[in-house]
Amino acid sequence: ATRRITAPAGATVKVLVLTTFDLD
């Protein structure tokens, strides 16, 4: 979902990922 939201040229929205899992 992050990839699709930020992919369009000129996209300005920022994504802050939240998770309970801190896996590399």
PDBML (XML) file of the C-alpha atoms, coordinates in Angstrom:
<?xml version="1.0" encoding="UTF-8" ?>
<PDBx:datablock datablockName="MODEL"
   xmlns:PDBx="http://pdbml.pdb.org/schema/pdbx-v50.xsd"
   xmlns:xsi="http://www.w3.org/2001/XMLSchema-instance"
   xsi:schemaLocation="http://pdbml.pdb.org/schema/pdbx-v50.xsd pdbx-v50.xsd">
   <PDBx:atom_siteCategory>
      <PDBx:atom_site id="1">
         <PDBx:B_iso_or_equiv>0.00</PDBx:B_iso_or_equiv>
         <PDBx:Cartn_x>0.000</PDBx:Cartn_x>
         <PDBx:Cartn_y>0.000</PDBx:Cartn_y>
         <PDBx:Cartn_z>0.000</PDBx:Cartn_z>
         <PDBx:auth_asym_id>A</PDBx:auth_asym_id>
         <PDBx:auth_atom_id>CA</PDBx:auth_atom_id>
         <PDBx:auth_comp_id>ALA</PDBx:auth_comp_id>
         <PDBx:auth_seq_id>1</PDBx:auth_seq_id>
         <PDBx:group_PDB>ATOM</PDBx:group_PDB>
         <PDBx:label_alt_id xsi:nil="true" />
         <PDBx:label_asym_id>A</PDBx:label_asym_id>
         <PDBx:label_atom_id>CA</PDBx:label_atom_id>
         <PDBx:label_comp_id>ALA</PDBx:label_comp_id>
         <PDBx:label_entity_id>1</PDBx:label_entity_id>
         <PDBx:label_seq_id>1</PDBx:label_seq_id>
         <PDBx:occupancy>1.00</PDBx:occupancy>
         <PDBx:pdbx_PDB_model_num>1</PDBx:pdbx_PDB_model_num>
         <PDBx:type_symbol>C</PDBx:type_symbol>
      </PDBx:atom_site>
      <PDBx:atom_site id="2">
         <PDBx:B_iso_or_equiv>0.00</PDBx:B_iso_or_equiv>
         <PDBx:Cartn_x>2.893</PDBx:Cartn_x>
         <PDBx:Cartn_y>2.349</PDBx:Cartn_y>
         <PDBx:Cartn_z>0.791</PDBx:Cartn_z>
         <PDBx:auth_asym_id>A</PDBx:auth_asym_id>
         <PDBx:auth_atom_id>CA</PDBx:auth_atom_id>
         <PDBx:auth_comp_id>THR</PDBx:auth_comp_id>
         <PDBx:auth_seq_id>2</PDBx:auth_seq_id>
         <PDBx:group_PDB>ATOM</PDBx:group_PDB>
         <PDBx:label_alt_id xsi:nil="true" />
         <PDBx:label_asym_id>A</PDBx:label_asym_id>
         <PDBx:label_atom_id>CA</PDBx:label_atom_id>
         <PDBx:label_comp_id>THR</PDBx:label_comp_id>
         <PDBx:label_entity_id>1</PDBx:label_entity_id>
         <PDBx:label_seq_id>2</PDBx:label_seq_id>
         <PDBx:occupancy>1.00</PDBx:occupancy>
         <PDBx:pdbx_PDB_model_num>1</PDBx:pdbx_PDB_model_num>
         <PDBx:type_symbol>C</PDBx:type_symbol>
      </PDBx:atom_site>
      <PDBx:atom_site id="3">
         <PDBx:B_iso_or_equiv>0.00</PDBx:B_iso_or_equiv>
         <PDBx:Cartn_x>4.499</PDBx:Cartn_x>
         <PDBx:Cartn_y>1.590</PDBx:Cartn_y>
         <PDBx:Cartn_z>-2.565</PDBx:Cartn_z>
         <PDBx:auth_asym_id>A</PDBx:auth_asym_id>
         <PDBx:auth_atom_id>CA</PDBx:auth_atom_id>
         <PDBx:auth_comp_id>ARG</PDBx:auth_comp_id>
         <PDBx:auth_seq_id>3</PDBx:auth_seq_id>
         <PDBx:group_PDB>ATOM</PDBx:group_PDB>
         <PDBx:label_alt_id xsi:nil="true" />
         <PDBx:label_asym_id>A</PDBx:label_asym_id>
         <PDBx:label_atom_id>CA</PDBx:label_atom_id>
         <PDBx:label_comp_id>ARG</PDBx:label_comp_id>
         <PDBx:label_entity_id>1</PDBx:label_entity_id>
         <PDBx:label_seq_id>3</PDBx:label_seq_id>
         <PDBx:occupancy>1.00</PDBx:occupancy>
         <PDBx:pdbx_PDB_model_num>1</PDBx:pdbx_PDB_model_num>
         <PDBx:type_symbol>C</PDBx:type_symbol>
      </PDBx:atom_site>
      <PDBx:atom_site id="4">
         <PDBx:B_iso_or_equiv>0.00</PDBx:B_iso_or_equiv>
         <PDBx:Cartn_x>1.287</PDBx:Cartn_x>
         <PDBx:Cartn_y>2.349</PDBx:Cartn_y>
         <PDBx:Cartn_z>-4.466</PDBx:Cartn_z>
         <PDBx:auth_asym_id>A</PDBx:auth_asym_id>
         <PDBx:auth_atom_id>CA</PDBx:auth_atom_id>
         <PDBx:auth_comp_id>ARG</PDBx:auth_comp_id>
         <PDBx:auth_seq_id>4</PDBx:auth_seq_id>
         <PDBx:group_PDB>ATOM</PDBx:group_PDB>
         <PDBx:label_alt_id xsi:nil="true" />
         <PDBx:label_asym_id>A</PDBx:label_asym_id>
         <PDBx:label_atom_id>CA</PDBx:label_atom_id>
         <PDBx:label_comp_id>ARG</PDBx:label_comp_id>
         <PDBx:label_entity_id>1</PDBx:label_entity_id>
         <PDBx:label_seq_id>4</PDBx:label_seq_id>
         <PDBx:occupancy>1.00</PDBx:occupancy>
         <PDBx:pdbx_PDB_model_num>1</PDBx:pdbx_PDB_model_num>
         <PDBx:type_symbol>C</PDBx:type_symbol>
      </PDBx:atom_site>
      <PDBx:atom_site id="5">
         <PDBx:B_iso_or_equiv>0.00</PDBx:B_iso_or_equiv>
         <PDBx:Cartn_x>0.501</PDBx:Cartn_x>
         <PDBx:Cartn_y>5.530</PDBx:Cartn_y>
         <PDBx:Cartn_z>-2.534</PDBx:Cartn_z>
         <PDBx:auth_asym_id>A</PDBx:auth_asym_id>
         <PDBx:auth_atom_id>CA</PDBx:auth_atom_id>
         <PDBx:auth_comp_id>ILE</PDBx:auth_comp_id>
         <PDBx:auth_seq_id>5</PDBx:auth_seq_id>
         <PDBx:group_PDB>ATOM</PDBx:group_PDB>
         <PDBx:label_alt_id xsi:nil="true" />
         <PDBx:label_asym_id>A</PDBx:label_asym_id>
         <PDBx:label_atom_id>CA</PDBx:label_atom_id>
         <PDBx:label_comp_id>ILE</PDBx:label_comp_id>
         <PDBx:label_entity_id>1</PDBx:label_entity_id>
         <PDBx:label_seq_id>5</PDBx:label_seq_id>
         <PDBx:occupancy>1.00</PDBx:occupancy>
         <PDBx:pdbx_PDB_model_num>1</PDBx:pdbx_PDB_model_num>
         <PDBx:type_symbol>C</PDBx:type_symbol>
      </PDBx:atom_site>
      <PDBx:atom_site id="6">
         <PDBx:B_iso_or_equiv>0.00</PDBx:B_iso_or_equiv>
         <PDBx:Cartn_x>3.962</PDBx:Cartn_x>
         <PDBx:Cartn_y>7.042</PDBx:Cartn_y>
         <PDBx:Cartn_z>-2.952</PDBx:Cartn_z>
         <PDBx:auth_asym_id>A</PDBx:auth_asym_id>
         <PDBx:auth_atom_id>CA</PDBx:auth_atom_id>
         <PDBx:auth_comp_id>THR</PDBx:auth_comp_id>
         <PDBx:auth_seq_id>6</PDBx:auth_seq_id>
         <PDBx:group_PDB>ATOM</PDBx:group_PDB>
         <PDBx:label_alt_id xsi:nil="true" />
         <PDBx:label_asym_id>A</PDBx:label_asym_id>
         <PDBx:label_atom_id>CA</PDBx:label_atom_id>
         <PDBx:label_comp_id>THR</PDBx:label_comp_id>
         <PDBx:label_entity_id>1</PDBx:label_entity_id>
         <PDBx:label_seq_id>6</PDBx:label_seq_id>
         <PDBx:occupancy>1.00</PDBx:occupancy>
         <PDBx:pdbx_PDB_model_num>1</PDBx:pdbx_PDB_model_num>
         <PDBx:type_symbol>C</PDBx:type_symbol>
      </PDBx:atom_site>
      <PDBx:atom_site id="7">
         <PDBx:B_iso_or_equiv>0.00</PDBx:B_iso_or_equiv>
         <PDBx:Cartn_x>4.661</PDBx:Cartn_x>
         <PDBx:Cartn_y>5.797</PDBx:Cartn_y>
         <PDBx:Cartn_z>-6.497</PDBx:Cartn_z>
         <PDBx:auth_asym_id>A</PDBx:auth_asym_id>
         <PDBx:auth_atom_id>CA</PDBx:auth_atom_id>
         <PDBx:auth_comp_id>ALA</PDBx:auth_comp_id>
         <PDBx:auth_seq_id>7</PDBx:auth_seq_id>
         <PDBx:group_PDB>ATOM</PDBx:group_PDB>
         <PDBx:label_alt_id xsi:nil="true" />
         <PDBx:label_asym_id>A</PDBx:label_asym_id>
         <PDBx:label_atom_id>CA</PDBx:label_atom_id>
         <PDBx:label_comp_id>ALA</PDBx:label_comp_id>
         <PDBx:label_entity_id>1</PDBx:label_entity_id>
         <PDBx:label_seq_id>7</PDBx:label_seq_id>
         <PDBx:occupancy>1.00</PDBx:occupancy>
         <PDBx:pdbx_PDB_model_num>1</PDBx:pdbx_PDB_model_num>
         <PDBx:type_symbol>C</PDBx:type_symbol>
      </PDBx:atom_site>
      <PDBx:atom_site id="8">
         <PDBx:B_iso_or_equiv>0.00</PDBx:B_iso_or_equiv>
         <PDBx:Cartn_x>2.775</PDBx:Cartn_x>
         <PDBx:Cartn_y>8.374</PDBx:Cartn_y>
         <PDBx:Cartn_z>-8.630</PDBx:Cartn_z>
         <PDBx:auth_asym_id>A</PDBx:auth_asym_id>
         <PDBx:auth_atom_id>CA</PDBx:auth_atom_id>
         <PDBx:auth_comp_id>PRO</PDBx:auth_comp_id>
         <PDBx:auth_seq_id>8</PDBx:auth_seq_id>
         <PDBx:group_PDB>ATOM</PDBx:group_PDB>
         <PDBx:label_alt_id xsi:nil="true" />
         <PDBx:label_asym_id>A</PDBx:label_asym_id>
         <PDBx:label_atom_id>CA</PDBx:label_atom_id>
         <PDBx:label_comp_id>PRO</PDBx:label_comp_id>
         <PDBx:label_entity_id>1</PDBx:label_entity_id>
         <PDBx:label_seq_id>8</PDBx:label_seq_id>
         <PDBx:occupancy>1.00</PDBx:occupancy>
         <PDBx:pdbx_PDB_model_num>1</PDBx:pdbx_PDB_model_num>
         <PDBx:type_symbol>C</PDBx:type_symbol>
      </PDBx:atom_site>
      <PDBx:atom_site id="9">
         <PDBx:B_iso_or_equiv>0.00</PDBx:B_iso_or_equiv>
         <PDBx:Cartn_x>4.943</PDBx:Cartn_x>
         <PDBx:Cartn_y>11.172</PDBx:Cartn_y>
         <PDBx:Cartn_z>-9.995</PDBx:Cartn_z>
         <PDBx:auth_asym_id>A</PDBx:auth_asym_id>
         <PDBx:auth_atom_id>CA</PDBx:auth_atom_id>
         <PDBx:auth_comp_id>ALA</PDBx:auth_comp_id>
         <PDBx:auth_seq_id>9</PDBx:auth_seq_id>
         <PDBx:group_PDB>ATOM</PDBx:group_PDB>
         <PDBx:label_alt_id xsi:nil="true" />
         <PDBx:label_asym_id>A</PDBx:label_asym_id>
         <PDBx:label_atom_id>CA</PDBx:label_atom_id>
         <PDBx:label_comp_id>ALA</PDBx:label_comp_id>
         <PDBx:label_entity_id>1</PDBx:label_entity_id>
         <PDBx:label_seq_id>9</PDBx:label_seq_id>
         <PDBx:occupancy>1.00</PDBx:occupancy>
         <PDBx:pdbx_PDB_model_num>1</PDBx:pdbx_PDB_model_num>
         <PDBx:type_symbol>C</PDBx:type_symbol>
      </PDBx:atom_site>
      <PDBx:atom_site id="10">
         <PDBx:B_iso_or_equiv>0.00</PDBx:B_iso_or_equiv>
         <PDBx:Cartn_x>4.463</PDBx:Cartn_x>
         <PDBx:Cartn_y>14.302</PDBx:Cartn_y>
         <PDBx:Cartn_z>-7.943</PDBx:Cartn_z>
         <PDBx:auth_asym_id>A</PDBx:auth_asym_id>
         <PDBx:auth_atom_id>CA</PDBx:auth_atom_id>
         <PDBx:auth_comp_id>GLY</PDBx:auth_comp_id>
         <PDBx:auth_seq_id>10</PDBx:auth_seq_id>
         <PDBx:group_PDB>ATOM</PDBx:group_PDB>
         <PDBx:label_alt_id xsi:nil="true" />
         <PDBx:label_asym_id>A</PDBx:label_asym_id>
         <PDBx:label_atom_id>CA</PDBx:label_atom_id>
         <PDBx:label_comp_id>GLY</PDBx:label_comp_id>
         <PDBx:label_entity_id>1</PDBx:label_entity_id>
         <PDBx:label_seq_id>10</PDBx:label_seq_id>
         <PDBx:occupancy>1.00</PDBx:occupancy>
         <PDBx:pdbx_PDB_model_num>1</PDBx:pdbx_PDB_model_num>
         <PDBx:type_symbol>C</PDBx:type_symbol>
      </PDBx:atom_site>
      <PDBx:atom_site id="11">
         <PDBx:B_iso_or_equiv>0.00</PDBx:B_iso_or_equiv>
         <PDBx:Cartn_x>3.020</PDBx:Cartn_x>
         <PDBx:Cartn_y>12.462</PDBx:Cartn_y>
         <PDBx:Cartn_z>-4.934</PDBx:Cartn_z>
         <PDBx:auth_asym_id>A</PDBx:auth_asym_id>
         <PDBx:auth_atom_id>CA</PDBx:auth_atom_id>
         <PDBx:auth_comp_id>ALA</PDBx:auth_comp_id>
         <PDBx:auth_seq_id>11</PDBx:auth_seq_id>
         <PDBx:group_PDB>ATOM</PDBx:group_PDB>
         <PDBx:label_alt_id xsi:nil="true" />
         <PDBx:label_asym_id>A</PDBx:label_asym_id>
         <PDBx:label_atom_id>CA</PDBx:label_atom_id>
         <PDBx:label_comp_id>ALA</PDBx:label_comp_id>
         <PDBx:label_entity_id>1</PDBx:label_entity_id>
         <PDBx:label_seq_id>11</PDBx:label_seq_id>
         <PDBx:occupancy>1.00</PDBx:occupancy>
         <PDBx:pdbx_PDB_model_num>1</PDBx:pdbx_PDB_model_num>
         <PDBx:type_symbol>C</PDBx:type_symbol>
      </PDBx:atom_site>
      <PDBx:atom_site id="12">
         <PDBx:B_iso_or_equiv>0.00</PDBx:B_iso_or_equiv>
         <PDBx:Cartn_x>3.576</PDBx:Cartn_x>
         <PDBx:Cartn_y>14.532</PDBx:Cartn_y>
         <PDBx:Cartn_z>-1.803</PDBx:Cartn_z>
         <PDBx:auth_asym_id>A</PDBx:auth_asym_id>
         <PDBx:auth_atom_id>CA</PDBx:auth_atom_id>
         <PDBx:auth_comp_id>THR</PDBx:auth_comp_id>
         <PDBx:auth_seq_id>12</PDBx:auth_seq_id>
         <PDBx:group_PDB>ATOM</PDBx:group_PDB>
         <PDBx:label_alt_id xsi:nil="true" />
         <PDBx:label_asym_id>A</PDBx:label_asym_id>
         <PDBx:label_atom_id>CA</PDBx:label_atom_id>
         <PDBx:label_comp_id>THR</PDBx:label_comp_id>
         <PDBx:label_entity_id>1</PDBx:label_entity_id>
         <PDBx:label_seq_id>12</PDBx:label_seq_id>
         <PDBx:occupancy>1.00</PDBx:occupancy>
         <PDBx:pdbx_PDB_model_num>1</PDBx:pdbx_PDB_model_num>
         <PDBx:type_symbol>C</PDBx:type_symbol>
      </PDBx:atom_site>
      <PDBx:atom_site id="13">
         <PDBx:B_iso_or_equiv>0.00</PDBx:B_iso_or_equiv>
         <PDBx:Cartn_x>1.917</PDBx:Cartn_x>
         <PDBx:Cartn_y>12.336</PDBx:Cartn_y>
         <PDBx:Cartn_z>0.840</PDBx:Cartn_z>
         <PDBx:auth_asym_id>A</PDBx:auth_asym_id>
         <PDBx:auth_atom_id>CA</PDBx:auth_atom_id>
         <PDBx:auth_comp_id>VAL</PDBx:auth_comp_id>
         <PDBx:auth_seq_id>13</PDBx:auth_seq_id>
         <PDBx:group_PDB>ATOM</PDBx:group_PDB>
         <PDBx:label_alt_id xsi:nil="true" />
         <PDBx:label_asym_id>A</PDBx:label_asym_id>
         <PDBx:label_atom_id>CA</PDBx:label_atom_id>
         <PDBx:label_comp_id>VAL</PDBx:label_comp_id>
         <PDBx:label_entity_id>1</PDBx:label_entity_id>
         <PDBx:label_seq_id>13</PDBx:label_seq_id>
         <PDBx:occupancy>1.00</PDBx:occupancy>
         <PDBx:pdbx_PDB_model_num>1</PDBx:pdbx_PDB_model_num>
         <PDBx:type_symbol>C</PDBx:type_symbol>
      </PDBx:atom_site>
      <PDBx:atom_site id="14">
         <PDBx:B_iso_or_equiv>0.00</PDBx:B_iso_or_equiv>
         <PDBx:Cartn_x>4.324</PDBx:Cartn_x>
         <PDBx:Cartn_y>10.924</PDBx:Cartn_y>
         <PDBx:Cartn_z>3.427</PDBx:Cartn_z>
         <PDBx:auth_asym_id>A</PDBx:auth_asym_id>
         <PDBx:auth_atom_id>CA</PDBx:auth_atom_id>
         <PDBx:auth_comp_id>LYS</PDBx:auth_comp_id>
         <PDBx:auth_seq_id>14</PDBx:auth_seq_id>
         <PDBx:group_PDB>ATOM</PDBx:group_PDB>
         <PDBx:label_alt_id xsi:nil="true" />
         <PDBx:label_asym_id>A</PDBx:label_asym_id>
         <PDBx:label_atom_id>CA</PDBx:label_atom_id>
         <PDBx:label_comp_id>LYS</PDBx:label_comp_id>
         <PDBx:label_entity_id>1</PDBx:label_entity_id>
         <PDBx:label_seq_id>14</PDBx:label_seq_id>
         <PDBx:occupancy>1.00</PDBx:occupancy>
         <PDBx:pdbx_PDB_model_num>1</PDBx:pdbx_PDB_model_num>
         <PDBx:type_symbol>C</PDBx:type_symbol>
      </PDBx:atom_site>
      <PDBx:atom_site id="15">
         <PDBx:B_iso_or_equiv>0.00</PDBx:B_iso_or_equiv>
         <PDBx:Cartn_x>3.921</PDBx:Cartn_x>
         <PDBx:Cartn_y>7.477</PDBx:Cartn_y>
         <PDBx:Cartn_z>4.949</PDBx:Cartn_z>
         <PDBx:auth_asym_id>A</PDBx:auth_asym_id>
         <PDBx:auth_atom_id>CA</PDBx:auth_atom_id>
         <PDBx:auth_comp_id>VAL</PDBx:auth_comp_id>
         <PDBx:auth_seq_id>15</PDBx:auth_seq_id>
         <PDBx:group_PDB>ATOM</PDBx:group_PDB>
         <PDBx:label_alt_id xsi:nil="true" />
         <PDBx:label_asym_id>A</PDBx:label_asym_id>
         <PDBx:label_atom_id>CA</PDBx:label_atom_id>
         <PDBx:label_comp_id>VAL</PDBx:label_comp_id>
         <PDBx:label_entity_id>1</PDBx:label_entity_id>
         <PDBx:label_seq_id>15</PDBx:label_seq_id>
         <PDBx:occupancy>1.00</PDBx:occupancy>
         <PDBx:pdbx_PDB_model_num>1</PDBx:pdbx_PDB_model_num>
         <PDBx:type_symbol>C</PDBx:type_symbol>
      </PDBx:atom_site>
      <PDBx:atom_site id="16">
         <PDBx:B_iso_or_equiv>0.00</PDBx:B_iso_or_equiv>
         <PDBx:Cartn_x>4.861</PDBx:Cartn_x>
         <PDBx:Cartn_y>6.742</PDBx:Cartn_y>
         <PDBx:Cartn_z>8.556</PDBx:Cartn_z>
         <PDBx:auth_asym_id>A</PDBx:auth_asym_id>
         <PDBx:auth_atom_id>CA</PDBx:auth_atom_id>
         <PDBx:auth_comp_id>LEU</PDBx:auth_comp_id>
         <PDBx:auth_seq_id>16</PDBx:auth_seq_id>
         <PDBx:group_PDB>ATOM</PDBx:group_PDB>
         <PDBx:label_alt_id xsi:nil="true" />
         <PDBx:label_asym_id>A</PDBx:label_asym_id>
         <PDBx:label_atom_id>CA</PDBx:label_atom_id>
         <PDBx:label_comp_id>LEU</PDBx:label_comp_id>
         <PDBx:label_entity_id>1</PDBx:label_entity_id>
         <PDBx:label_seq_id>16</PDBx:label_seq_id>
         <PDBx:occupancy>1.00</PDBx:occupancy>
         <PDBx:pdbx_PDB_model_num>1</PDBx:pdbx_PDB_model_num>
         <PDBx:type_symbol>C</PDBx:type_symbol>
      </PDBx:atom_site>
      <PDBx:atom_site id="17">
         <PDBx:B_iso_or_equiv>0.00</PDBx:B_iso_or_equiv>
         <PDBx:Cartn_x>4.924</PDBx:Cartn_x>
         <PDBx:Cartn_y>2.993</PDBx:Cartn_y>
         <PDBx:Cartn_z>9.109</PDBx:Cartn_z>
         <PDBx:auth_asym_id>A</PDBx:auth_asym_id>
         <PDBx:auth_atom_id>CA</PDBx:auth_atom_id>
         <PDBx:auth_comp_id>VAL</PDBx:auth_comp_id>
         <PDBx:auth_seq_id>17</PDBx:auth_seq_id>
         <PDBx:group_PDB>ATOM</PDBx:group_PDB>
         <PDBx:label_alt_id xsi:nil="true" />
         <PDBx:label_asym_id>A</PDBx:label_asym_id>
         <PDBx:label_atom_id>CA</PDBx:label_atom_id>
         <PDBx:label_comp_id>VAL</PDBx:label_comp_id>
         <PDBx:label_entity_id>1</PDBx:label_entity_id>
         <PDBx:label_seq_id>17</PDBx:label_seq_id>
         <PDBx:occupancy>1.00</PDBx:occupancy>
         <PDBx:pdbx_PDB_model_num>1</PDBx:pdbx_PDB_model_num>
         <PDBx:type_symbol>C</PDBx:type_symbol>
      </PDBx:atom_site>
      <PDBx:atom_site id="18">
         <PDBx:B_iso_or_equiv>0.00</PDBx:B_iso_or_equiv>
         <PDBx:Cartn_x>3.636</PDBx:Cartn_x>
         <PDBx:Cartn_y>1.717</PDBx:Cartn_y>
         <PDBx:Cartn_z>12.445</PDBx:Cartn_z>
         <PDBx:auth_asym_id>A</PDBx:auth_asym_id>
         <PDBx:auth_atom_id>CA</PDBx:auth_atom_id>
         <PDBx:auth_comp_id>LEU</PDBx:auth_comp_id>
         <PDBx:auth_seq_id>18</PDBx:auth_seq_id>
         <PDBx:group_PDB>ATOM</PDBx:group_PDB>
         <PDBx:label_alt_id xsi:nil="true" />
         <PDBx:label_asym_id>A</PDBx:label_asym_id>
         <PDBx:label_atom_id>CA</PDBx:label_atom_id>
         <PDBx:label_comp_id>LEU</PDBx:label_comp_id>
         <PDBx:label_entity_id>1</PDBx:label_entity_id>
         <PDBx:label_seq_id>18</PDBx:label_seq_id>
         <PDBx:occupancy>1.00</PDBx:occupancy>
         <PDBx:pdbx_PDB_model_num>1</PDBx:pdbx_PDB_model_num>
         <PDBx:type_symbol>C</PDBx:type_symbol>
      </PDBx:atom_site>
      <PDBx:atom_site id="19">
         <PDBx:B_iso_or_equiv>0.00</PDBx:B_iso_or_equiv>
         <PDBx:Cartn_x>4.106</PDBx:Cartn_x>
         <PDBx:Cartn_y>-1.848</PDBx:Cartn_y>
         <PDBx:Cartn_z>13.614</PDBx:Cartn_z>
         <PDBx:auth_asym_id>A</PDBx:auth_asym_id>
         <PDBx:auth_atom_id>CA</PDBx:auth_atom_id>
         <PDBx:auth_comp_id>THR</PDBx:auth_comp_id>
         <PDBx:auth_seq_id>19</PDBx:auth_seq_id>
         <PDBx:group_PDB>ATOM</PDBx:group_PDB>
         <PDBx:label_alt_id xsi:nil="true" />
         <PDBx:label_asym_id>A</PDBx:label_asym_id>
         <PDBx:label_atom_id>CA</PDBx:label_atom_id>
         <PDBx:label_comp_id>THR</PDBx:label_comp_id>
         <PDBx:label_entity_id>1</PDBx:label_entity_id>
         <PDBx:label_seq_id>19</PDBx:label_seq_id>
         <PDBx:occupancy>1.00</PDBx:occupancy>
         <PDBx:pdbx_PDB_model_num>1</PDBx:pdbx_PDB_model_num>
         <PDBx:type_symbol>C</PDBx:type_symbol>
      </PDBx:atom_site>
      <PDBx:atom_site id="20">
         <PDBx:B_iso_or_equiv>0.00</PDBx:B_iso_or_equiv>
         <PDBx:Cartn_x>4.502</PDBx:Cartn_x>
         <PDBx:Cartn_y>-4.031</PDBx:Cartn_y>
         <PDBx:Cartn_z>16.670</PDBx:Cartn_z>
         <PDBx:auth_asym_id>A</PDBx:auth_asym_id>
         <PDBx:auth_atom_id>CA</PDBx:auth_atom_id>
         <PDBx:auth_comp_id>THR</PDBx:auth_comp_id>
         <PDBx:auth_seq_id>20</PDBx:auth_seq_id>
         <PDBx:group_PDB>ATOM</PDBx:group_PDB>
         <PDBx:label_alt_id xsi:nil="true" />
         <PDBx:label_asym_id>A</PDBx:label_asym_id>
         <PDBx:label_atom_id>CA</PDBx:label_atom_id>
         <PDBx:label_comp_id>THR</PDBx:label_comp_id>
         <PDBx:label_entity_id>1</PDBx:label_entity_id>
         <PDBx:label_seq_id>20</PDBx:label_seq_id>
         <PDBx:occupancy>1.00</PDBx:occupancy>
         <PDBx:pdbx_PDB_model_num>1</PDBx:pdbx_PDB_model_num>
         <PDBx:type_symbol>C</PDBx:type_symbol>
      </PDBx:atom_site>
      <PDBx:atom_site id="21">
         <PDBx:B_iso_or_equiv>0.00</PDBx:B_iso_or_equiv>
         <PDBx:Cartn_x>7.200</PDBx:Cartn_x>
         <PDBx:Cartn_y>-5.998</PDBx:Cartn_y>
         <PDBx:Cartn_z>14.853</PDBx:Cartn_z>
         <PDBx:auth_asym_id>A</PDBx:auth_asym_id>
         <PDBx:auth_atom_id>CA</PDBx:auth_atom_id>
         <PDBx:auth_comp_id>PHE</PDBx:auth_comp_id>
         <PDBx:auth_seq_id>21</PDBx:auth_seq_id>
         <PDBx:group_PDB>ATOM</PDBx:group_PDB>
         <PDBx:label_alt_id xsi:nil="true" />
         <PDBx:label_asym_id>A</PDBx:label_asym_id>
         <PDBx:label_atom_id>CA</PDBx:label_atom_id>
         <PDBx:label_comp_id>PHE</PDBx:label_comp_id>
         <PDBx:label_entity_id>1</PDBx:label_entity_id>
         <PDBx:label_seq_id>21</PDBx:label_seq_id>
         <PDBx:occupancy>1.00</PDBx:occupancy>
         <PDBx:pdbx_PDB_model_num>1</PDBx:pdbx_PDB_model_num>
         <PDBx:type_symbol>C</PDBx:type_symbol>
      </PDBx:atom_site>
      <PDBx:atom_site id="22">
         <PDBx:B_iso_or_equiv>0.00</PDBx:B_iso_or_equiv>
         <PDBx:Cartn_x>10.687</PDBx:Cartn_x>
         <PDBx:Cartn_y>-4.505</PDBx:Cartn_y>
         <PDBx:Cartn_z>14.601</PDBx:Cartn_z>
         <PDBx:auth_asym_id>A</PDBx:auth_asym_id>
         <PDBx:auth_atom_id>CA</PDBx:auth_atom_id>
         <PDBx:auth_comp_id>ASP</PDBx:auth_comp_id>
         <PDBx:auth_seq_id>22</PDBx:auth_seq_id>
         <PDBx:group_PDB>ATOM</PDBx:group_PDB>
         <PDBx:label_alt_id xsi:nil="true" />
         <PDBx:label_asym_id>A</PDBx:label_asym_id>
         <PDBx:label_atom_id>CA</PDBx:label_atom_id>
         <PDBx:label_comp_id>ASP</PDBx:label_comp_id>
         <PDBx:label_entity_id>1</PDBx:label_entity_id>
         <PDBx:label_seq_id>22</PDBx:label_seq_id>
         <PDBx:occupancy>1.00</PDBx:occupancy>
         <PDBx:pdbx_PDB_model_num>1</PDBx:pdbx_PDB_model_num>
         <PDBx:type_symbol>C</PDBx:type_symbol>
      </PDBx:atom_site>
      <PDBx:atom_site id="23">
         <PDBx:B_iso_or_equiv>0.00</PDBx:B_iso_or_equiv>
         <PDBx:Cartn_x>11.971</PDBx:Cartn_x>
         <PDBx:Cartn_y>-7.094</PDBx:Cartn_y>
         <PDBx:Cartn_z>12.123</PDBx:Cartn_z>
         <PDBx:auth_asym_id>A</PDBx:auth_asym_id>
         <PDBx:auth_atom_id>CA</PDBx:auth_atom_id>
         <PDBx:auth_comp_id>LEU</PDBx:auth_comp_id>
         <PDBx:auth_seq_id>23</PDBx:auth_seq_id>
         <PDBx:group_PDB>ATOM</PDBx:group_PDB>
         <PDBx:label_alt_id xsi:nil="true" />
         <PDBx:label_asym_id>A</PDBx:label_asym_id>
         <PDBx:label_atom_id>CA</PDBx:label_atom_id>
         <PDBx:label_comp_id>LEU</PDBx:label_comp_id>
         <PDBx:label_entity_id>1</PDBx:label_entity_id>
         <PDBx:label_seq_id>23</PDBx:label_seq_id>
         <PDBx:occupancy>1.00</PDBx:occupancy>
         <PDBx:pdbx_PDB_model_num>1</PDBx:pdbx_PDB_model_num>
         <PDBx:type_symbol>C</PDBx:type_symbol>
      </PDBx:atom_site>
      <PDBx:atom_site id="24">
         <PDBx:B_iso_or_equiv>0.00</PDBx:B_iso_or_equiv>
         <PDBx:Cartn_x>14.758</PDBx:Cartn_x>
         <PDBx:Cartn_y>-5.986</PDBx:Cartn_y>
         <PDBx:Cartn_z>9.800</PDBx:Cartn_z>
         <PDBx:auth_asym_id>A</PDBx:auth_asym_id>
         <PDBx:auth_atom_id>CA</PDBx:auth_atom_id>
         <PDBx:auth_comp_id>ASP</PDBx:auth_comp_id>
         <PDBx:auth_seq_id>24</PDBx:auth_seq_id>
         <PDBx:group_PDB>ATOM</PDBx:group_PDB>
         <PDBx:label_alt_id xsi:nil="true" />
         <PDBx:label_asym_id>A</PDBx:label_asym_id>
         <PDBx:label_atom_id>CA</PDBx:label_atom_id>
         <PDBx:label_comp_id>ASP</PDBx:label_comp_id>
         <PDBx:label_entity_id>1</PDBx:label_entity_id>
         <PDBx:label_seq_id>24</PDBx:label_seq_id>
         <PDBx:occupancy>1.00</PDBx:occupancy>
         <PDBx:pdbx_PDB_model_num>1</PDBx:pdbx_PDB_model_num>
         <PDBx:type_symbol>C</PDBx:type_symbol>
      </PDBx:atom_site>
   </PDBx:atom_siteCategory>
</PDBx:datablock>
